C-alpha atoms as a PDB file:
ATOM      1  CA  MET A   1     -30.541 -32.122  -0.659  1.00  0.00           C
ATOM      2  CA  LYS A   2     -32.998 -31.122  -3.101  1.00  0.00           C
ATOM      3  CA  PRO A   3     -33.472 -33.864  -5.687  1.00  0.00           C
ATOM      4  CA  PHE A   4     -32.649 -32.893  -9.826  1.00  0.00           C
ATOM      5  CA  ALA A   5     -32.083 -34.980 -12.589  1.00  0.00           C
ATOM      6  CA  TYR A   6     -28.709 -35.537 -13.972  1.00  0.00           C
ATOM      7  CA  VAL A   7     -27.466 -36.227 -17.651  1.00  0.00           C
ATOM      8  CA  ARG A   8     -24.170 -36.620 -19.230  1.00  0.00           C
ATOM      9  CA  SER A   9     -23.672 -34.621 -22.283  1.00  0.00           C
ATOM     10  CA  THR A  10     -21.310 -36.191 -24.448  1.00  0.00           C
ATOM     11  CA  ASP A  11     -21.444 -33.047 -26.986  1.00  0.00           C
ATOM     12  CA  ARG A  12     -21.052 -29.143 -26.271  1.00  0.00           C
ATOM     13  CA  ASP A  13     -24.251 -28.371 -28.288  1.00  0.00           C
ATOM     14  CA  THR A  14     -26.379 -30.889 -26.808  1.00  0.00           C
ATOM     15  CA  ALA A  15     -25.276 -29.868 -23.437  1.00  0.00           C
ATOM     16  CA  ILE A  16     -25.372 -25.967 -24.414  1.00  0.00           C
ATOM     17  CA  GLN A  17     -29.375 -26.387 -25.644  1.00  0.00           C
ATOM     18  CA  THR A  18     -30.517 -28.580 -23.006  1.00  0.00           C
ATOM     19  CA  ALA A  19     -29.380 -25.215 -20.346  1.00  0.00           C
ATOM     20  CA  ALA A  20     -30.817 -22.971 -22.547  1.00  0.00           C
ATOM     21  CA  THR A  21     -33.807 -24.754 -22.863  1.00  0.00           C
ATOM     22  CA  ASP A  22     -33.676 -24.921 -18.816  1.00  0.00           C
ATOM     23  CA  ARG A  23     -33.485 -21.786 -16.451  1.00  0.00           C
ATOM     24  CA  ARG A  24     -33.661 -24.410 -13.670  1.00  0.00           C
ATOM     25  CA  ALA A  25     -30.480 -26.576 -15.054  1.00  0.00           C
ATOM     26  CA  MET A  26     -26.786 -26.434 -14.360  1.00  0.00           C
ATOM     27  CA  PHE A  27     -23.264 -27.575 -15.437  1.00  0.00           C
ATOM     28  CA  ILE A  28     -21.112 -29.540 -13.566  1.00  0.00           C
ATOM     29  CA  ALA A  29     -17.673 -30.864 -14.246  1.00  0.00           C
ATOM     30  CA  GLY A  30     -15.508 -31.316 -10.643  1.00  0.00           C
ATOM     31  CA  GLY A  31     -18.255 -30.262  -8.403  1.00  0.00           C
ATOM     32  CA  THR A  32     -15.958 -29.280  -5.715  1.00  0.00           C
ATOM     33  CA  ASN A  33     -17.846 -25.639  -4.503  1.00  0.00           C
ATOM     34  CA  LEU A  34     -21.556 -26.287  -6.108  1.00  0.00           C
ATOM     35  CA  ILE A  35     -21.700 -30.018  -4.505  1.00  0.00           C
ATOM     36  CA  ASP A  36     -21.015 -27.667  -1.357  1.00  0.00           C
ATOM     37  CA  LEU A  37     -24.087 -24.972  -2.296  1.00  0.00           C
ATOM     38  CA  MET A  38     -26.308 -27.894  -3.062  1.00  0.00           C
ATOM     39  CA  LYS A  39     -25.828 -29.393   0.340  1.00  0.00           C
ATOM     40  CA  GLU A  40     -25.989 -25.973   2.362  1.00  0.00           C
ATOM     41  CA  GLY A  41     -29.452 -25.464   0.287  1.00  0.00           C
ATOM     42  CA  VAL A  42     -28.041 -22.495  -1.281  1.00  0.00           C
ATOM     43  CA  ALA A  43     -27.718 -23.755  -5.113  1.00  0.00           C
ATOM     44  CA  LEU A  44     -31.023 -25.321  -5.927  1.00  0.00           C
ATOM     45  CA  PRO A  45     -30.772 -27.236  -9.478  1.00  0.00           C
ATOM     46  CA  ASP A  46     -33.539 -29.592 -11.157  1.00  0.00           C
ATOM     47  CA  ARG A  47     -30.775 -30.838 -13.365  1.00  0.00           C
ATOM     48  CA  LEU A  48     -26.919 -31.499 -13.961  1.00  0.00           C
ATOM     49  CA  ILE A  49     -25.429 -31.481 -16.886  1.00  0.00           C
ATOM     50  CA  ASP A  50     -22.378 -33.385 -16.289  1.00  0.00           C
ATOM     51  CA  ILE A  51     -20.000 -32.102 -18.996  1.00  0.00           C
ATOM     52  CA  THR A  52     -16.828 -33.830 -17.913  1.00  0.00           C
ATOM     53  CA  GLN A  53     -16.526 -36.159 -20.919  1.00  0.00           C
ATOM     54  CA  LEU A  54     -16.672 -33.024 -23.634  1.00  0.00           C
ATOM     55  CA  ASP A  55     -13.084 -32.535 -24.591  1.00  0.00           C
ATOM     56  CA  LEU A  56     -12.516 -29.062 -23.604  1.00  0.00           C
ATOM     57  CA  VAL A  57      -9.304 -30.714 -21.164  1.00  0.00           C
ATOM     58  CA  LYS A  58      -5.711 -29.471 -24.090  1.00  0.00           C
ATOM     59  CA  ILE A  59      -3.853 -26.771 -22.553  1.00  0.00           C
ATOM     60  CA  GLU A  60      -2.146 -25.990 -25.609  1.00  0.00           C
ATOM     61  CA  ALA A  61      -0.158 -22.728 -27.160  1.00  0.00           C
ATOM     62  CA  ILE A  62      -1.846 -21.089 -29.441  1.00  0.00           C
ATOM     63  CA  PRO A  63      -0.522 -17.971 -32.272  1.00  0.00           C
ATOM     64  CA  ASN A  64       0.540 -15.443 -29.204  1.00  0.00           C
ATOM     65  CA  GLY A  65      -0.577 -17.223 -26.334  1.00  0.00           C
ATOM     66  CA  LEU A  66      -1.711 -19.893 -24.263  1.00  0.00           C
ATOM     67  CA  ARG A  67      -5.663 -21.871 -24.705  1.00  0.00           C
ATOM     68  CA  ILE A  68      -6.556 -23.420 -21.063  1.00  0.00           C
ATOM     69  CA  GLY A  69      -9.076 -25.767 -21.802  1.00  0.00           C
ATOM     70  CA  ALA A  70     -12.096 -25.003 -19.519  1.00  0.00           C
ATOM     71  CA  LEU A  71     -12.156 -29.117 -17.901  1.00  0.00           C
ATOM     72  CA  ALA A  72      -8.406 -28.687 -17.492  1.00  0.00           C
ATOM     73  CA  ARG A  73      -8.031 -29.499 -14.008  1.00  0.00           C
ATOM     74  CA  ASN A  74      -6.321 -26.723 -11.255  1.00  0.00           C
ATOM     75  CA  SER A  75      -3.411 -29.270 -10.683  1.00  0.00           C
ATOM     76  CA  ASP A  76      -2.741 -30.057 -14.248  1.00  0.00           C
ATOM     77  CA  THR A  77      -3.091 -26.462 -15.066  1.00  0.00           C
ATOM     78  CA  ALA A  78      -0.505 -25.598 -12.535  1.00  0.00           C
ATOM     79  CA  ASN A  79       2.533 -27.873 -13.034  1.00  0.00           C
ATOM     80  CA  HIS A  80       2.053 -27.534 -17.067  1.00  0.00           C
ATOM     81  CA  PRO A  81       5.348 -26.965 -18.562  1.00  0.00           C
ATOM     82  CA  LEU A  82       3.904 -24.167 -20.380  1.00  0.00           C
ATOM     83  CA  VAL A  83       2.075 -22.905 -17.753  1.00  0.00           C
ATOM     84  CA  ARG A  84       5.307 -22.576 -15.413  1.00  0.00           C
ATOM     85  CA  GLU A  85       7.840 -21.809 -18.020  1.00  0.00           C
ATOM     86  CA  ARG A  86       6.200 -18.766 -19.512  1.00  0.00           C
ATOM     87  CA  TYR A  87       2.919 -17.712 -17.281  1.00  0.00           C
ATOM     88  CA  PRO A  88       4.820 -18.650 -13.528  1.00  0.00           C
ATOM     89  CA  LEU A  89       2.316 -15.886 -11.811  1.00  0.00           C
ATOM     90  CA  LEU A  90      -0.997 -18.530 -13.114  1.00  0.00           C
ATOM     91  CA  SER A  91       1.033 -21.582 -11.362  1.00  0.00           C
ATOM     92  CA  GLN A  92       1.639 -19.532  -7.978  1.00  0.00           C
ATOM     93  CA  ALA A  93      -1.830 -18.164  -7.560  1.00  0.00           C
ATOM     94  CA  LEU A  94      -3.959 -21.682  -8.808  1.00  0.00           C
ATOM     95  CA  LEU A  95      -0.780 -23.400  -6.218  1.00  0.00           C
ATOM     96  CA  ALA A  96      -1.122 -21.091  -3.442  1.00  0.00           C
ATOM     97  CA  GLY A  97      -5.561 -22.418  -3.232  1.00  0.00           C
ATOM     98  CA  ALA A  98      -7.873 -24.921  -1.869  1.00  0.00           C
ATOM     99  CA  SER A  99      -5.946 -28.475  -1.616  1.00  0.00           C
ATOM    100  CA  PRO A 100      -4.170 -30.855  -3.383  1.00  0.00           C
ATOM    101  CA  GLN A 101      -6.780 -32.784  -3.741  1.00  0.00           C
ATOM    102  CA  LEU A 102      -9.325 -29.947  -4.020  1.00  0.00           C
ATOM    103  CA  ARG A 103      -6.525 -29.282  -7.304  1.00  0.00           C
ATOM    104  CA  ASN A 104      -6.782 -32.781  -7.910  1.00  0.00           C
ATOM    105  CA  MET A 105     -10.709 -32.001  -8.554  1.00  0.00           C
ATOM    106  CA  ALA A 106     -11.704 -28.387  -9.633  1.00  0.00           C
ATOM    107  CA  THR A 107     -11.139 -27.139 -13.060  1.00  0.00           C
ATOM    108  CA  THR A 108     -10.563 -24.108 -15.203  1.00  0.00           C
ATOM    109  CA  GLY A 109     -13.861 -23.037 -15.516  1.00  0.00           C
ATOM    110  CA  GLY A 110     -15.573 -24.212 -12.141  1.00  0.00           C
ATOM    111  CA  ASN A 111     -12.695 -22.145 -10.648  1.00  0.00           C
ATOM    112  CA  LEU A 112     -14.381 -19.238 -13.093  1.00  0.00           C
ATOM    113  CA  MET A 113     -17.701 -19.930 -11.300  1.00  0.00           C
ATOM    114  CA  GLN A 114     -17.226 -20.296  -8.118  1.00  0.00           C
ATOM    115  CA  ARG A 115     -19.222 -18.205  -5.338  1.00  0.00           C
ATOM    116  CA  THR A 116     -18.324 -16.740  -2.533  1.00  0.00           C
ATOM    117  CA  ARG A 117     -17.282 -17.962   0.686  1.00  0.00           C
ATOM    118  CA  CYS A 118     -19.570 -15.573   2.496  1.00  0.00           C
ATOM    119  CA  TYR A 119     -20.663 -16.761   6.006  1.00  0.00           C
ATOM    120  CA  TYR A 120     -24.427 -15.537   5.717  1.00  0.00           C
ATOM    121  CA  PHE A 121     -24.096 -16.226   1.731  1.00  0.00           C
ATOM    122  CA  TYR A 122     -24.089 -20.217   3.446  1.00  0.00           C
ATOM    123  CA  ASP A 123     -26.206 -19.616   6.196  1.00  0.00           C
ATOM    124  CA  THR A 124     -29.810 -19.922   4.799  1.00  0.00           C
ATOM    125  CA  ALA A 125     -31.472 -18.912   8.107  1.00  0.00           C
ATOM    126  CA  MET A 126     -30.215 -15.309   7.438  1.00  0.00           C
ATOM    127  CA  PRO A 127     -30.900 -12.087   5.234  1.00  0.00           C
ATOM    128  CA  CYS A 128     -28.541 -12.022   1.825  1.00  0.00           C
ATOM    129  CA  ASN A 129     -29.230 -10.162  -1.844  1.00  0.00           C
ATOM    130  CA  LYS A 130     -26.972 -13.037  -2.989  1.00  0.00           C
ATOM    131  CA  ARG A 131     -28.974 -15.757  -2.292  1.00  0.00           C
ATOM    132  CA  GLN A 132     -31.943 -14.102  -2.118  1.00  0.00           C
ATOM    133  CA  PRO A 133     -32.336 -10.728  -4.303  1.00  0.00           C
ATOM    134  CA  GLY A 134     -34.461  -8.340  -1.597  1.00  0.00           C
ATOM    135  CA  SER A 135     -33.990  -9.225   1.584  1.00  0.00           C
ATOM    136  CA  GLY A 136     -30.951  -7.407   2.790  1.00  0.00           C
ATOM    137  CA  CYS A 137     -27.086  -7.756   3.333  1.00  0.00           C
ATOM    138  CA  ALA A 138     -26.217  -9.002   7.036  1.00  0.00           C
ATOM    139  CA  ALA A 139     -22.825  -8.847   6.766  1.00  0.00           C
ATOM    140  CA  ILE A 140     -23.013  -5.139   6.324  1.00  0.00           C
ATOM    141  CA  GLU A 141     -24.120  -4.900   9.895  1.00  0.00           C
ATOM    142  CA  GLY A 142     -22.679  -7.953  10.896  1.00  0.00           C
ATOM    143  CA  TYR A 143     -19.187 -10.032  11.622  1.00  0.00           C
ATOM    144  CA  ASN A 144     -17.798  -8.789   7.931  1.00  0.00           C
ATOM    145  CA  ARG A 145     -14.435  -9.578   8.957  1.00  0.00           C
ATOM    146  CA  ILE A 146     -13.350 -11.796   5.398  1.00  0.00           C
ATOM    147  CA  HIS A 147     -15.922  -8.897   3.069  1.00  0.00           C
ATOM    148  CA  ALA A 148     -15.179  -6.387   0.330  1.00  0.00           C
ATOM    149  CA  ILE A 149     -13.752  -3.151   0.885  1.00  0.00           C
ATOM    150  CA  LEU A 150     -13.651  -2.238  -2.516  1.00  0.00           C
ATOM    151  CA  GLY A 151     -16.187  -1.973  -5.260  1.00  0.00           C
ATOM    152  CA  ALA A 152     -19.105  -3.246  -2.674  1.00  0.00           C
ATOM    153  CA  SER A 153     -22.334  -1.741  -2.695  1.00  0.00           C
ATOM    154  CA  ASP A 154     -24.941  -1.429  -0.213  1.00  0.00           C
ATOM    155  CA  ARG A 155     -26.316  -4.239  -1.587  1.00  0.00           C
ATOM    156  CA  CYS A 156     -23.655  -6.884  -0.856  1.00  0.00           C
ATOM    157  CA  ILE A 157     -19.786  -6.483   0.432  1.00  0.00           C
ATOM    158  CA  ALA A 158     -19.161 -10.343  -0.432  1.00  0.00           C
ATOM    159  CA  THR A 159     -16.230 -10.928  -1.767  1.00  0.00           C
ATOM    160  CA  HIS A 160     -15.042 -13.145  -5.035  1.00  0.00           C
ATOM    161  CA  PRO A 161     -12.738 -16.223  -3.600  1.00  0.00           C
ATOM    162  CA  SER A 162     -10.880 -17.742  -6.195  1.00  0.00           C
ATOM    163  CA  ASP A 163      -7.187 -17.043  -6.223  1.00  0.00           C
ATOM    164  CA  MET A 164      -6.958 -18.618  -9.765  1.00  0.00           C
ATOM    165  CA  CYS A 165      -9.024 -15.368 -11.274  1.00  0.00           C
ATOM    166  CA  VAL A 166      -6.937 -13.566  -9.565  1.00  0.00           C
ATOM    167  CA  ALA A 167      -4.007 -13.385 -11.596  1.00  0.00           C
ATOM    168  CA  LEU A 168      -5.911 -14.495 -14.810  1.00  0.00           C
ATOM    169  CA  VAL A 169      -7.370 -10.521 -14.235  1.00  0.00           C
ATOM    170  CA  ALA A 170      -3.657  -9.377 -13.977  1.00  0.00           C
ATOM    171  CA  LEU A 171      -2.474 -11.750 -16.965  1.00  0.00           C
ATOM    172  CA  ASP A 172      -4.828  -9.698 -19.153  1.00  0.00           C
ATOM    173  CA  ALA A 173      -6.832 -13.374 -20.488  1.00  0.00           C
ATOM    174  CA  VAL A 174      -9.578 -13.933 -22.161  1.00  0.00           C
ATOM    175  CA  VAL A 175     -12.657 -16.635 -21.659  1.00  0.00           C
ATOM    176  CA  GLN A 176     -14.003 -17.992 -24.561  1.00  0.00           C
ATOM    177  CA  VAL A 177     -17.721 -18.722 -23.856  1.00  0.00           C
ATOM    178  CA  GLU A 178     -20.154 -20.615 -26.753  1.00  0.00           C
ATOM    179  CA  GLY A 179     -23.893 -20.250 -26.639  1.00  0.00           C
ATOM    180  CA  PRO A 180     -27.197 -20.634 -28.085  1.00  0.00           C
ATOM    181  CA  LYS A 181     -26.421 -17.606 -29.870  1.00  0.00           C
ATOM    182  CA  GLY A 182     -23.060 -18.140 -30.884  1.00  0.00           C
ATOM    183  CA  LYS A 183     -19.617 -17.749 -29.386  1.00  0.00           C
ATOM    184  CA  ARG A 184     -17.940 -15.080 -27.581  1.00  0.00           C
ATOM    185  CA  ALA A 185     -14.765 -14.017 -26.377  1.00  0.00           C
ATOM    186  CA  ILE A 186     -14.929 -12.241 -22.636  1.00  0.00           C
ATOM    187  CA  PRO A 187     -11.721  -9.920 -21.171  1.00  0.00           C
ATOM    188  CA  MET A 188     -11.650 -10.854 -17.396  1.00  0.00           C
ATOM    189  CA  THR A 189     -11.438  -7.534 -16.318  1.00  0.00           C
ATOM    190  CA  GLU A 190     -15.187  -8.200 -17.721  1.00  0.00           C
ATOM    191  CA  PHE A 191     -15.993 -11.732 -16.634  1.00  0.00           C
ATOM    192  CA  HIS A 192     -17.282 -10.959 -13.335  1.00  0.00           C
ATOM    193  CA  ARG A 193     -19.246  -8.232 -12.432  1.00  0.00           C
ATOM    194  CA  LEU A 194     -19.279  -6.016  -9.754  1.00  0.00           C
ATOM    195  CA  PRO A 195     -22.937  -6.105  -6.841  1.00  0.00           C
ATOM    196  CA  GLY A 196     -25.062  -3.252  -7.721  1.00  0.00           C
ATOM    197  CA  ASP A 197     -28.662  -3.475  -7.322  1.00  0.00           C
ATOM    198  CA  THR A 198     -27.858  -7.605  -8.274  1.00  0.00           C
ATOM    199  CA  PRO A 199     -25.664  -8.758  -6.287  1.00  0.00           C
ATOM    200  CA  GLU A 200     -26.988 -12.687  -7.216  1.00  0.00           C
ATOM    201  CA  ILE A 201     -25.506 -12.647 -10.872  1.00  0.00           C
ATOM    202  CA  ASP A 202     -21.949 -13.115 -10.006  1.00  0.00           C
ATOM    203  CA  THR A 203     -20.841 -13.026 -13.893  1.00  0.00           C
ATOM    204  CA  VAL A 204     -22.092 -11.793 -17.608  1.00  0.00           C
ATOM    205  CA  LEU A 205     -22.520 -14.903 -18.625  1.00  0.00           C
ATOM    206  CA  GLN A 206     -26.145 -15.679 -20.652  1.00  0.00           C
ATOM    207  CA  GLN A 207     -28.499 -18.495 -20.546  1.00  0.00           C
ATOM    208  CA  GLY A 208     -26.742 -21.622 -21.440  1.00  0.00           C
ATOM    209  CA  GLU A 209     -23.536 -20.109 -22.311  1.00  0.00           C
ATOM    210  CA  LEU A 210     -20.428 -22.722 -21.184  1.00  0.00           C
ATOM    211  CA  ILE A 211     -16.712 -21.682 -20.814  1.00  0.00           C
ATOM    212  CA  VAL A 212     -15.309 -23.996 -23.270  1.00  0.00           C
ATOM    213  CA  ALA A 213     -11.356 -22.004 -22.407  1.00  0.00           C
ATOM    214  CA  VAL A 214      -9.603 -19.653 -21.612  1.00  0.00           C
ATOM    215  CA  ASP A 215      -6.750 -17.861 -23.945  1.00  0.00           C
ATOM    216  CA  LEU A 216      -3.969 -16.060 -22.295  1.00  0.00           C
ATOM    217  CA  PRO A 217      -1.775 -13.763 -24.443  1.00  0.00           C
ATOM    218  CA  SER A 218       1.757 -13.375 -24.782  1.00  0.00           C
ATOM    219  CA  SER A 219       2.507 -12.039 -21.929  1.00  0.00           C
ATOM    220  CA  PRO A 220       6.715 -10.614 -20.813  1.00  0.00           C
ATOM    221  CA  PHE A 221       6.060 -10.681 -17.322  1.00  0.00           C
ATOM    222  CA  ALA A 222       6.996 -14.557 -16.766  1.00  0.00           C
ATOM    223  CA  GLY A 223      10.563 -13.338 -15.201  1.00  0.00           C
ATOM    224  CA  ARG A 224       8.922 -11.062 -12.673  1.00  0.00           C
ATOM    225  CA  SER A 225       5.841 -11.667 -11.394  1.00  0.00           C
ATOM    226  CA  HIS A 226       4.562 -12.760  -7.923  1.00  0.00           C
ATOM    227  CA  TYR A 227       1.346 -14.077  -6.427  1.00  0.00           C
ATOM    228  CA  LEU A 228       1.232 -13.360  -2.868  1.00  0.00           C
ATOM    229  CA  LYS A 229      -1.882 -14.587  -0.509  1.00  0.00           C
ATOM    230  CA  VAL A 230      -2.091 -13.540   2.789  1.00  0.00           C
ATOM    231  CA  ARG A 231      -4.599 -15.422   5.322  1.00  0.00           C
ATOM    232  CA  ASP A 232      -5.158 -16.738   8.381  1.00  0.00           C
ATOM    233  CA  ARG A 233      -3.222 -20.275   8.372  1.00  0.00           C
ATOM    234  CA  ALA A 234      -1.190 -21.076   6.092  1.00  0.00           C
ATOM    235  CA  SER A 235      -3.036 -23.922   3.984  1.00  0.00           C
ATOM    236  CA  TYR A 236      -6.711 -24.234   2.701  1.00  0.00           C
ATOM    237  CA  ALA A 237      -7.639 -20.819   3.364  1.00  0.00           C
ATOM    238  CA  PHE A 238      -9.128 -18.393   1.458  1.00  0.00           C
ATOM    239  CA  ALA A 239      -7.453 -15.016   0.808  1.00  0.00           C
ATOM    240  CA  LEU A 240      -7.633 -12.107   3.392  1.00  0.00           C
ATOM    241  CA  VAL A 241      -5.652  -9.834   0.866  1.00  0.00           C
ATOM    242  CA  SER A 242      -4.464 -11.366  -2.196  1.00  0.00           C
ATOM    243  CA  VAL A 243      -1.984  -9.543  -4.834  1.00  0.00           C
ATOM    244  CA  ALA A 244      -1.095 -10.887  -8.389  1.00  0.00           C
ATOM    245  CA  ALA A 245       1.833  -8.459  -9.267  1.00  0.00           C
ATOM    246  CA  ALA A 246       4.159  -8.655 -12.345  1.00  0.00           C
ATOM    247  CA  LEU A 247       6.527  -6.538 -14.087  1.00  0.00           C
ATOM    248  CA  ASP A 248       8.643  -5.676 -17.427  1.00  0.00           C
ATOM    249  CA  ILE A 249      12.147  -3.853 -16.151  1.00  0.00           C
ATOM    250  CA  ASN A 250      14.495  -2.218 -17.950  1.00  0.00           C
ATOM    251  CA  ASN A 251      17.474  -0.592 -16.415  1.00  0.00           C
ATOM    252  CA  ASN A 252      15.846  -0.649 -13.410  1.00  0.00           C
ATOM    253  CA  THR A 253      12.629   1.750 -14.987  1.00  0.00           C
ATOM    254  CA  ILE A 254       9.103  -0.275 -15.362  1.00  0.00           C
ATOM    255  CA  ARG A 255       8.156  -0.248 -18.298  1.00  0.00           C
ATOM    256  CA  ALA A 256       4.412  -1.956 -18.184  1.00  0.00           C
ATOM    257  CA  ALA A 257       3.015  -3.243 -14.764  1.00  0.00           C
ATOM    258  CA  ARG A 258       0.311  -5.544 -14.211  1.00  0.00           C
ATOM    259  CA  MET A 259      -1.551  -5.817 -10.643  1.00  0.00           C
ATOM    260  CA  ALA A 260      -4.816  -7.301  -9.322  1.00  0.00           C
ATOM    261  CA  LEU A 261      -5.843  -7.778  -5.761  1.00  0.00           C
ATOM    262  CA  GLY A 262      -8.292 -10.613  -4.421  1.00  0.00           C
ATOM    263  CA  GLY A 263     -10.090 -11.257  -0.963  1.00  0.00           C
ATOM    264  CA  VAL A 264     -11.083  -7.016  -1.393  1.00  0.00           C
ATOM    265  CA  ALA A 265     -14.084  -6.753  -3.234  1.00  0.00           C
ATOM    266  CA  HIS A 266     -16.955  -9.032  -5.127  1.00  0.00           C
ATOM    267  CA  LYS A 267     -14.216  -9.963  -8.174  1.00  0.00           C
ATOM    268  CA  PRO A 268     -10.662  -9.692  -8.939  1.00  0.00           C
ATOM    269  CA  TRP A 269      -9.746  -6.209  -8.773  1.00  0.00           C
ATOM    270  CA  ARG A 270      -7.660  -4.664 -11.335  1.00  0.00           C
ATOM    271  CA  ALA A 271      -5.509  -2.343  -9.380  1.00  0.00           C
ATOM    272  CA  GLU A 272      -5.416   0.401 -12.873  1.00  0.00           C
ATOM    273  CA  ALA A 273      -4.387   2.907 -10.547  1.00  0.00           C
ATOM    274  CA  ALA A 274      -1.358   1.465  -9.471  1.00  0.00           C
ATOM    275  CA  GLU A 275      -0.444   0.084 -12.413  1.00  0.00           C
ATOM    276  CA  LYS A 276      -0.196   3.827 -13.701  1.00  0.00           C
ATOM    277  CA  ILE A 277       1.914   5.022 -10.755  1.00  0.00           C
ATOM    278  CA  LEU A 278       4.333   2.249 -11.876  1.00  0.00           C
ATOM    279  CA  VAL A 279       4.777   2.315 -15.566  1.00  0.00           C
ATOM    280  CA  GLY A 280       7.655   4.881 -15.981  1.00  0.00           C
ATOM    281  CA  ALA A 281       9.352   4.475 -12.876  1.00  0.00           C
ATOM    282  CA  LYS A 282      12.417   3.333 -10.677  1.00  0.00           C
ATOM    283  CA  VAL A 283      11.952   0.529  -8.957  1.00  0.00           C
ATOM    284  CA  ASN A 284      12.541   1.040  -6.057  1.00  0.00           C
ATOM    285  CA  GLU A 285      10.173   1.345  -2.279  1.00  0.00           C
ATOM    286  CA  GLN A 286       9.257   4.682  -2.829  1.00  0.00           C
ATOM    287  CA  THR A 287       7.590   3.611  -5.902  1.00  0.00           C
ATOM    288  CA  PHE A 288       6.248   1.022  -4.414  1.00  0.00           C
ATOM    289  CA  ARG A 289       4.606   2.230  -1.634  1.00  0.00           C
ATOM    290  CA  ALA A 290       3.027   4.800  -3.993  1.00  0.00           C
ATOM    291  CA  ALA A 291       1.464   2.037  -5.743  1.00  0.00           C
ATOM    292  CA  ALA A 292       0.073   0.621  -2.957  1.00  0.00           C
ATOM    293  CA  GLU A 293      -1.827   3.324  -1.526  1.00  0.00           C
ATOM    294  CA  ALA A 294      -3.311   3.979  -5.245  1.00  0.00           C
ATOM    295  CA  ALA A 295      -4.350   0.766  -5.349  1.00  0.00           C
ATOM    296  CA  VAL A 296      -6.637   1.421  -2.044  1.00  0.00           C
ATOM    297  CA  GLN A 297      -7.620   4.957  -2.571  1.00  0.00           C
ATOM    298  CA  ARG A 298     -11.470   4.784  -3.270  1.00  0.00           C
ATOM    299  CA  ALA A 299     -11.834   1.442  -0.385  1.00  0.00           C
ATOM    300  CA  LYS A 300     -14.615   1.527   1.955  1.00  0.00           C
ATOM    301  CA  PRO A 301     -13.971  -0.350   5.200  1.00  0.00           C
ATOM    302  CA  TYR A 302     -16.633  -1.672   7.470  1.00  0.00           C
ATOM    303  CA  LYS A 303     -16.579  -2.500  11.187  1.00  0.00           C
ATOM    304  CA  TYR A 304     -13.990  -5.915  11.150  1.00  0.00           C
ATOM    305  CA  ASN A 305     -12.076  -5.728   8.273  1.00  0.00           C
ATOM    306  CA  ALA A 306     -10.154  -1.935   8.226  1.00  0.00           C
ATOM    307  CA  PHE A 307      -7.355  -3.898   9.098  1.00  0.00           C
ATOM    308  CA  LYS A 308      -7.447  -4.924   5.516  1.00  0.00           C
ATOM    309  CA  VAL A 309      -6.875  -1.311   4.390  1.00  0.00           C
ATOM    310  CA  GLU A 310      -3.337  -1.642   5.987  1.00  0.00           C
ATOM    311  CA  MET A 311      -2.770  -5.509   5.234  1.00  0.00           C
ATOM    312  CA  ALA A 312      -3.357  -4.864   1.293  1.00  0.00           C
ATOM    313  CA  LYS A 313      -0.670  -2.179   1.490  1.00  0.00           C
ATOM    314  CA  ARG A 314       2.020  -3.798   2.930  1.00  0.00           C
ATOM    315  CA  ALA A 315       0.837  -6.473   0.557  1.00  0.00           C
ATOM    316  CA  VAL A 316       0.765  -5.005  -2.701  1.00  0.00           C
ATOM    317  CA  VAL A 317       4.782  -3.237  -1.829  1.00  0.00           C
ATOM    318  CA  ARG A 318       6.189  -7.061  -1.136  1.00  0.00           C
ATOM    319  CA  ALA A 319       4.461  -8.626  -3.944  1.00  0.00           C
ATOM    320  CA  LEU A 320       6.225  -6.072  -6.517  1.00  0.00           C
ATOM    321  CA  THR A 321       9.454  -6.748  -4.717  1.00  0.00           C
ATOM    322  CA  THR A 322       9.442 -10.383  -5.265  1.00  0.00           C
ATOM    323  CA  ALA A 323       8.205  -9.601  -8.235  1.00  0.00           C
ATOM    324  CA  ALA A 324      11.342  -7.166  -8.935  1.00  0.00           C
ATOM    325  CA  GLN A 325      13.874  -9.677  -7.742  1.00  0.00           C
ATOM    326  CA  GLY A 326      12.671 -12.461 -10.408  1.00  0.00           C
ATOM    327  CA  THR A 327      10.313 -15.080 -10.729  1.00  0.00           C
ATOM    328  CA  SER A 328      10.960 -18.867  -9.179  1.00  0.00           C
ATOM    329  CA  VAL A 329       8.389 -21.676  -9.374  1.00  0.00           C
END
């Protein structure tokens, strides 16, 4: 591991100013992803800014919604009464991720910032445009079973690993950040980037900006939502395909729908085309199959991940069917 300096901040302004003036500095909280990246020589910070002492752990009701502090632990968020009652989709997604031990350390902000689990990204002997811009993407011609089928580019076909973020996208969450230029509210649908020509840039955060909270708007979907994760084994595995589905139903007609997919793109993938098909339609298998087709209509599979197209369609139908039957956590 590369040597680094360490500083612990006790107030936001100090943490932000330290990061803003040192491009090689990184914030650290639970460290469940960052430490792994540092051990592998992928992340090479000169300075770590410990933010665990900042007052960002609260989970509280706000006008028209709920605010989750950036340092709230994933386990605390998943089991919080307000989350379980109002946003069971988020609770389900968090409990599907990682292991209990990791959820006890991982934070909301850290989950937002975690990086891809692409094999080639972690292997510093292999070319990777995300790790070293301009070196190439080994996954395109390599073993690409876990890689993207939506929104990829000829520079990168990596996928985003988070379960939590998929649910947050479906729930129209907003990320609250503070930085040297002031405060910003960033919709979750805009927080992560597609790879394009700059796959090394994962988010729209600017130098020195600190995630302070995630806001969830009031939602009509608490009673009918479901997070489905399809993976190679039952525990501690990242999604091959995941679906966050939420429905507002009246008299067997869908009044509103939200859906996002994980494991299929460089960012949590909002399935807007599928949502349009669902709204105003009757609750039945035909509707759900049409939505599933729409969700993957722009898919571009590679040699080893073509199975994801059919897997995603089946997962969408199953998630919508379960959501329509009612939520339980």
